[in-house]
Amino acid sequence: MAVTLDAQLLEILACPSPDHAPLRAGTPSDPDADALTCTECGRVFPVRDGIPVLLLDEATNPDDSSADGA
């Protein structure tokens, strides 16, 4: 299911990390995922029951997925 946030809300939401970059809906591998992805650091924040969970502890770090790759 795709993220269904108000366009104005999505426009003002930002990553809680120090760079405060804008967020975009979905993930790099799944644009319809219930998540928001930081345009700067790549962290993926879940959206649960239509509410973005913008906590760094809840985010998936892009480096986590490639740790076991090689």
Protein backbone atom coordinates (compact mmCIF):
# COMPACT_ATOMS: atom_id res chain seq x y z
CA MET A 1 0.00 0.00 0.00
CA ALA A 2 1.37 3.40 -0.93
CA VAL A 3 1.84 6.19 1.56
CA THR A 4 -1.20 8.47 1.50
CA LEU A 5 -0.09 11.63 3.26
CA ASP A 6 -1.39 15.08 2.54
CA ALA A 7 0.85 16.73 -0.06
CA GLN A 8 1.32 19.81 2.15
CA LEU A 9 2.39 17.64 5.09
CA LEU A 10 4.85 15.69 2.97
CA GLU A 11 6.26 19.00 1.74
CA ILE A 12 7.15 20.17 5.28
CA LEU A 13 8.31 16.85 6.78
CA ALA A 14 12.07 16.50 7.09
CA CYS A 15 14.55 13.90 8.26
CA PRO A 16 15.26 14.26 12.00
CA SER A 17 19.00 13.78 11.46
CA PRO A 18 21.18 16.91 11.60
CA ASP A 19 20.97 17.52 7.82
CA HIS A 20 17.12 17.90 7.96
CA ALA A 21 16.71 16.91 4.32
CA PRO A 22 13.27 16.49 2.72
CA LEU A 23 11.57 13.10 2.66
CA ARG A 24 10.00 11.30 -0.28
CA ALA A 25 7.33 8.62 -0.27
CA GLY A 26 8.33 4.97 -0.63
CA THR A 27 11.73 3.33 -0.62
CA PRO A 28 14.36 3.19 -3.38
CA SER A 29 13.42 -0.42 -4.17
CA ASP A 30 9.64 -0.03 -3.66
CA PRO A 31 8.04 3.35 -4.42
CA ASP A 32 4.70 2.06 -3.09
CA ALA A 33 6.04 1.00 0.33
CA ASP A 34 4.54 2.43 3.53
CA ALA A 35 7.68 4.39 4.28
CA LEU A 36 9.39 7.73 3.81
CA THR A 37 12.98 7.96 2.59
CA CYS A 38 15.41 10.79 3.35
CA THR A 39 16.71 12.39 0.16
CA GLU A 40 20.11 13.06 1.78
CA CYS A 41 21.12 10.19 4.11
CA GLY A 42 18.85 7.48 2.65
CA ARG A 43 17.30 6.44 5.97
CA VAL A 44 13.90 4.81 5.58
CA PHE A 45 11.23 5.74 8.14
CA PRO A 46 8.15 3.54 8.53
CA VAL A 47 4.61 4.86 8.19
CA ARG A 48 2.27 3.00 10.57
CA ASP A 49 -1.48 3.46 10.32
CA GLY A 50 -0.92 6.57 8.20
CA ILE A 51 1.42 8.17 10.76
CA PRO A 52 5.10 8.73 9.88
CA VAL A 53 7.42 7.42 12.60
CA LEU A 54 10.26 9.94 12.37
CA LEU A 55 12.51 8.48 15.06
CA LEU A 56 16.12 7.73 14.20
CA ASP A 57 15.93 4.55 16.30
CA GLU A 58 13.03 3.29 14.17
CA ALA A 59 14.66 4.13 10.82
CA THR A 60 16.36 1.60 8.59
CA ASN A 61 19.84 2.76 7.71
CA PRO A 62 20.79 2.18 4.05
CA ASP A 63 24.15 0.71 5.18
CA ASP A 64 22.35 -2.06 7.14
CA SER A 65 21.13 -3.81 3.99
CA SER A 66 24.61 -4.13 2.45
CA ALA A 67 26.50 -5.20 5.61
CA ASP A 68 26.30 -8.93 4.80
CA GLY A 69 26.69 -8.50 1.05
CA ALA A 70 30.36 -9.36 0.50
